[in-house]
Protein backbone atom coordinates (compact mmCIF):
# COMPACT_ATOMS: atom_id res chain seq x y z
CA UNK A 1 -98.98 82.74 54.96
CA UNK A 2 -98.79 86.02 56.91
CA UNK A 3 -100.78 85.85 60.16
CA UNK A 4 -103.87 88.10 60.10
CA UNK A 5 -102.77 90.14 63.12
CA UNK A 6 -99.40 90.88 61.50
CA UNK A 7 -101.07 91.97 58.26
CA UNK A 8 -103.44 94.26 60.17
CA UNK A 9 -100.54 95.73 62.13
CA UNK A 10 -98.72 96.54 58.89
CA UNK A 11 -101.90 98.10 57.49
CA UNK A 12 -102.22 100.16 60.66
CA UNK A 13 -98.70 101.48 60.25
CA UNK A 14 -99.47 102.58 56.70
CA UNK A 15 -102.72 104.18 57.85
CA UNK A 16 -100.90 106.17 60.53
CA UNK A 17 -98.80 107.79 57.80
CA UNK A 18 -102.01 109.18 56.29
CA UNK A 19 -103.70 110.08 59.60
CA UNK A 20 -102.37 113.67 60.00
CA UNK A 21 -103.64 114.66 56.55
CA UNK A 22 -106.99 112.97 57.10
CA UNK A 23 -107.46 114.67 60.47
CA UNK A 24 -106.55 118.07 59.00
CA UNK A 25 -109.01 117.57 56.15
CA UNK A 26 -111.81 116.33 58.42
CA UNK A 27 -111.20 119.17 60.87
CA UNK A 28 -111.72 121.79 58.18
CA UNK A 29 -114.80 120.05 56.84
CA UNK A 30 -116.39 119.53 60.26
CA UNK A 31 -115.00 122.48 62.20
CA UNK A 32 -114.47 120.26 65.23
CA UNK A 33 -111.28 118.50 66.26
CA UNK A 34 -113.20 115.89 68.26
CA UNK A 35 -115.52 115.10 65.35
CA UNK A 36 -112.55 114.99 62.97
CA UNK A 37 -110.87 112.35 65.15
CA UNK A 38 -114.12 110.36 65.18
CA UNK A 39 -114.40 110.55 61.38
CA UNK A 40 -110.82 109.37 60.88
CA UNK A 41 -111.32 106.52 63.34
CA UNK A 42 -114.40 105.44 61.40
CA UNK A 43 -112.30 105.57 58.22
CA UNK A 44 -109.75 103.25 59.82
CA UNK A 45 -112.48 100.83 60.87
CA UNK A 46 -113.83 100.71 57.32
CA UNK A 47 -110.34 100.10 55.96
CA UNK A 48 -109.59 97.32 58.45
CA UNK A 49 -112.93 95.64 57.74
CA UNK A 50 -112.40 95.88 53.99
CA UNK A 51 -108.72 94.97 53.83
CA UNK A 52 -109.43 91.32 52.99
CA UNK A 53 -111.53 92.26 49.97
CA UNK A 54 -109.62 92.13 46.65
CA UNK A 55 -110.98 95.51 45.60
CA UNK A 56 -109.37 97.11 48.64
CA UNK A 57 -106.30 94.93 48.99
CA UNK A 58 -105.31 95.69 45.42
CA UNK A 59 -105.94 99.44 45.30
CA UNK A 60 -103.16 101.45 43.71
CA UNK A 61 -103.81 104.71 45.56
CA UNK A 62 -104.51 104.10 49.24
CA UNK A 63 -104.30 107.82 50.01
CA UNK A 64 -107.01 108.59 47.50
CA UNK A 65 -109.18 105.76 48.80
CA UNK A 66 -108.83 107.02 52.38
CA UNK A 67 -109.59 110.61 51.35
CA UNK A 68 -112.77 109.51 49.61
CA UNK A 69 -113.98 107.38 52.52
CA UNK A 70 -113.15 110.05 55.12
CA UNK A 71 -114.92 112.69 53.03
CA UNK A 72 -118.06 110.53 52.84
CA UNK A 73 -117.99 109.99 56.59
CA UNK A 74 -117.64 113.76 57.15
CA UNK A 75 -120.48 114.53 54.74
CA UNK A 76 -122.78 112.14 56.59
CA UNK A 77 -121.83 113.76 59.90
CA UNK A 78 -122.51 117.25 58.55
CA UNK A 79 -125.90 116.26 57.19
CA UNK A 80 -127.00 114.56 60.40
CA UNK A 81 -126.07 117.40 62.75
CA UNK A 82 -128.67 118.93 65.01
CA UNK A 83 -126.31 121.51 66.52
CA UNK A 84 -122.99 122.99 65.54
CA UNK A 85 -120.27 121.31 67.62
CA UNK A 86 -118.41 123.20 70.32
CA UNK A 87 -114.81 122.14 70.85
CA UNK A 88 -113.72 123.70 74.13
CA UNK A 89 -110.20 123.87 75.50
CA UNK A 90 -109.78 125.78 78.75
CA UNK A 91 -106.80 128.13 78.78
CA UNK A 92 -104.97 129.32 81.86
CA UNK A 93 -105.06 133.13 82.09
CA UNK A 94 -101.25 133.22 82.04
CA UNK A 95 -100.86 130.90 79.02
CA UNK A 96 -101.30 133.06 75.90
CA UNK A 97 -98.77 130.90 74.06
CA UNK A 98 -101.19 127.95 74.15
CA UNK A 99 -103.82 130.11 72.46
CA UNK A 100 -101.37 131.01 69.73
CA UNK A 101 -100.53 127.34 69.15
CA UNK A 102 -104.21 126.47 68.84
CA UNK A 103 -104.76 129.27 66.36
CA UNK A 104 -101.95 127.98 64.17
CA UNK A 105 -103.24 124.41 64.34
CA UNK A 106 -106.81 125.22 63.41
CA UNK A 107 -106.66 128.17 61.02
CA UNK A 108 -109.45 129.73 63.08
CA UNK A 109 -110.42 132.53 60.69
CA UNK A 110 -111.13 130.09 57.87
CA UNK A 111 -113.07 127.71 60.11
CA UNK A 112 -115.51 130.42 61.14
CA UNK A 113 -116.08 131.44 57.52
CA UNK A 114 -116.55 127.83 56.39
CA UNK A 115 -119.31 127.36 58.97
CA UNK A 116 -121.59 129.52 56.80
CA UNK A 117 -121.44 127.09 53.84
CA UNK A 118 -123.81 124.22 53.10
CA UNK A 119 -122.40 120.69 53.65
CA UNK A 120 -121.92 120.13 49.90
CA UNK A 121 -120.30 123.54 49.38
CA UNK A 122 -118.03 123.05 52.35
CA UNK A 123 -116.90 119.62 51.21
CA UNK A 124 -116.27 120.73 47.61
CA UNK A 125 -114.33 123.83 48.67
CA UNK A 126 -112.20 122.16 51.33
CA UNK A 127 -111.33 119.11 49.25
CA UNK A 128 -110.51 121.02 46.08
CA UNK A 129 -109.11 124.36 47.23
CA UNK A 130 -107.31 123.18 50.38
CA UNK A 131 -106.36 119.60 49.55
CA UNK A 132 -106.22 119.59 45.73
CA UNK A 133 -108.65 116.70 45.30
CA UNK A 134 -109.85 116.53 41.66
CA UNK A 135 -113.47 117.44 40.99
CA UNK A 136 -114.08 113.99 39.50
CA UNK A 137 -113.31 112.37 42.86
CA UNK A 138 -115.32 114.92 44.84
CA UNK A 139 -118.26 114.35 42.49
CA UNK A 140 -118.30 110.67 43.42
CA UNK A 141 -118.46 111.56 47.12
CA UNK A 142 -121.33 114.02 46.60
CA UNK A 143 -123.18 111.95 44.03
CA UNK A 144 -123.14 114.81 41.52
CA UNK A 145 -121.52 115.50 38.18
CA UNK A 146 -118.03 117.04 38.05
CA UNK A 147 -119.54 120.16 36.48
CA UNK A 148 -122.05 120.55 39.32
CA UNK A 149 -119.29 119.94 41.86
CA UNK A 150 -117.15 122.61 40.23
CA UNK A 151 -120.06 125.05 40.55
CA UNK A 152 -120.43 124.20 44.24
CA UNK A 153 -116.77 124.96 44.88
CA UNK A 154 -116.97 128.17 42.87
CA UNK A 155 -120.04 129.34 44.80
CA UNK A 156 -118.36 128.48 48.10
CA UNK A 157 -115.22 130.33 47.04
CA UNK A 158 -117.22 133.49 46.31
CA UNK A 159 -118.97 133.27 49.67
CA UNK A 160 -115.66 132.81 51.47
CA UNK A 161 -114.17 135.80 49.66
CA UNK A 162 -117.22 137.95 50.45
CA UNK A 163 -117.28 137.07 54.16
CA UNK A 164 -115.25 139.11 56.59
CA UNK A 165 -112.89 136.82 58.40
CA UNK A 166 -112.49 137.17 62.18
CA UNK A 167 -109.29 138.46 63.69
CA UNK A 168 -106.62 135.79 63.37
CA UNK A 169 -104.88 136.92 66.57
CA UNK A 170 -106.50 135.42 69.65
CA UNK A 171 -104.97 138.15 71.81
CA UNK A 172 -106.87 140.76 69.77
CA UNK A 173 -110.06 138.77 70.18
CA UNK A 174 -109.50 138.45 73.91
CA UNK A 175 -109.29 142.25 74.30
CA UNK A 176 -112.79 142.61 72.84
CA UNK A 177 -114.15 139.73 74.94
CA UNK A 178 -112.71 141.16 78.16
CA UNK A 179 -114.17 144.58 77.32
CA UNK A 180 -117.55 142.95 76.71
CA UNK A 181 -117.70 141.32 80.14
CA UNK A 182 -116.31 144.37 81.95
CA UNK A 183 -119.00 146.59 80.42
CA UNK A 184 -121.79 144.04 80.95
CA UNK A 185 -120.91 143.48 84.61
CA UNK A 186 -120.56 147.21 85.15
CA UNK A 187 -123.93 147.91 83.56
CA UNK A 188 -122.25 150.32 81.13
CA UNK A 189 -124.55 150.27 78.11
CA UNK A 190 -122.55 152.75 76.01
CA UNK A 191 -119.24 150.94 76.49
CA UNK A 192 -120.93 147.66 75.69
CA UNK A 193 -122.45 148.94 72.45
CA UNK A 194 -119.04 150.34 71.47
CA UNK A 195 -117.45 146.87 71.46
CA UNK A 196 -120.32 145.30 69.49
CA UNK A 197 -120.81 145.38 65.73
CA UNK A 198 -124.09 147.19 64.87
CA UNK A 199 -125.39 144.02 63.20
CA UNK A 200 -124.17 141.55 65.84
CA UNK A 201 -126.10 138.30 66.20
CA UNK A 202 -126.34 136.44 69.51
CA UNK A 203 -127.42 132.81 69.12
CA UNK A 204 -128.39 130.75 72.14
CA UNK A 205 -129.42 127.10 72.19
CA UNK A 206 -131.99 127.96 74.87
CA UNK A 207 -133.08 131.58 74.33
CA UNK A 208 -132.95 131.77 70.53
CA UNK A 209 -131.58 134.67 68.48
CA UNK A 210 -131.01 138.31 69.43
CA UNK A 211 -129.82 140.74 66.75
CA UNK A 212 -128.44 144.27 66.85
CA UNK A 213 -125.97 145.96 69.20
CA UNK A 214 -128.57 147.64 71.41
CA UNK A 215 -130.62 144.48 71.89
CA UNK A 216 -127.57 142.33 72.60
CA UNK A 217 -126.20 144.94 75.03
CA UNK A 218 -129.46 145.03 77.00
CA UNK A 219 -129.52 141.24 77.06
CA UNK A 220 -125.91 141.05 78.29
CA UNK A 221 -126.50 143.55 81.10
CA UNK A 222 -129.72 141.79 82.14
CA UNK A 223 -128.05 138.40 82.49
CA UNK A 224 -124.63 139.51 83.75
CA UNK A 225 -123.66 137.76 86.98
CA UNK A 226 -120.69 139.44 88.72
CA UNK A 227 -120.41 136.48 91.11
CA UNK A 228 -119.82 133.95 88.33
CA UNK A 229 -116.31 132.88 87.37
CA UNK A 230 -115.16 133.47 83.81
CA UNK A 231 -112.69 130.85 82.57
CA UNK A 232 -110.89 131.78 79.31
CA UNK A 233 -111.21 129.12 76.63
CA UNK A 234 -110.64 128.48 72.96
CA UNK A 235 -113.94 127.41 71.41
CA UNK A 236 -113.77 126.03 67.85
CA UNK A 237 -110.59 128.00 67.37
CA UNK A 238 -111.81 131.41 68.54
CA UNK A 239 -111.85 133.25 71.84
CA UNK A 240 -114.43 131.94 74.25
CA UNK A 241 -115.40 131.80 77.90
CA UNK A 242 -116.77 129.12 80.19
CA UNK A 243 -119.07 130.68 82.79
CA UNK A 244 -118.92 128.84 86.12
CA UNK A 245 -121.57 129.24 88.82
CA UNK A 246 -121.31 127.58 92.23
CA UNK A 247 -118.36 125.57 91.01
CA UNK A 248 -120.23 124.11 88.02
CA UNK A 249 -120.06 125.06 84.32
CA UNK A 250 -123.18 127.09 83.54
CA UNK A 251 -122.62 128.12 79.93
CA UNK A 252 -120.06 128.37 77.12
CA UNK A 253 -119.78 131.48 74.96
CA UNK A 254 -117.94 131.71 71.65
CA UNK A 255 -117.09 135.14 70.22
CA UNK A 256 -116.43 136.14 66.61
CA UNK A 257 -114.37 139.35 66.45
CA UNK A 258 -113.86 141.36 63.25
CA UNK A 259 -111.92 144.65 63.20
CA UNK A 260 -111.93 144.85 66.98
CA UNK A 261 -115.70 144.45 67.34
CA UNK A 262 -117.75 141.42 68.27
CA UNK A 263 -119.91 140.37 65.31
CA UNK A 264 -121.38 137.17 66.73
CA UNK A 265 -121.81 135.41 70.07
CA UNK A 266 -122.82 131.76 70.26
CA UNK A 267 -124.02 130.47 73.62
CA UNK A 268 -124.48 126.91 74.88
CA UNK A 269 -126.45 126.65 78.12
CA UNK A 270 -128.28 123.35 77.74
CA UNK A 271 -127.13 120.93 80.44
CA UNK A 272 -127.26 118.07 77.93
CA UNK A 273 -125.01 119.85 75.44
CA UNK A 274 -122.61 120.91 78.20
CA UNK A 275 -122.30 117.25 79.20
CA UNK A 276 -121.59 116.24 75.60
CA UNK A 277 -118.92 118.92 75.39
CA UNK A 278 -117.41 117.40 78.51
CA UNK A 279 -118.16 120.26 80.87
CA UNK A 280 -121.38 119.16 82.57
């Protein structure tokens, strides 16, 4: 009889062969690398707990089983969210190559577009269009019919096609972000409006929503702090900044840039959320 620890070790080796695909899938569903790793780890725990059950031990398609379980875990995480996650990786000012690597890993333009979909739409679109999972399998995850699942993916596909994707080049994004802070700190309203999309939306976890270039420009000038340090970062795959005051992270800003103009700014200032991001 094979010792239990040896059997689990062999199962772990097989699981590791599937891990990169599961992480890639979970990342696109969740939009967060950290959450994707958590979802895949939960999938492994469910597999290891279930490995002694005949229904699991005798499955013919382990990859399909893992995809289904990981997708269900991701769907539960999406539905239980209170805030959109912020994955932050600080970037040295002289390390543009690291930004390029991150962009390639994440597919940042698609992640930003996917964030506008409902959990069910996002799951159906990612699983079918990006990972070729049959609608019958996706339907079981969502608890819907294959026909309804096909409609979800179709609706998501139309929304993705109709949404302007952000610039895929982080260097292009960074130009707009740098211009934004230079104008805000200089109190130059006209220059600031010029780098903002007319319909820009600024979303803050503390101050709420501000919409329109003029309103966002006035807000940016009002709260600009020339003494604060600006640390370049990649936030959920797009250009961002960590604002540091008195040596402590004060806020994180994520910028969406389309055609050279900033179309959205998302701001995290809550001390609790900064701690959960790992910056507080």
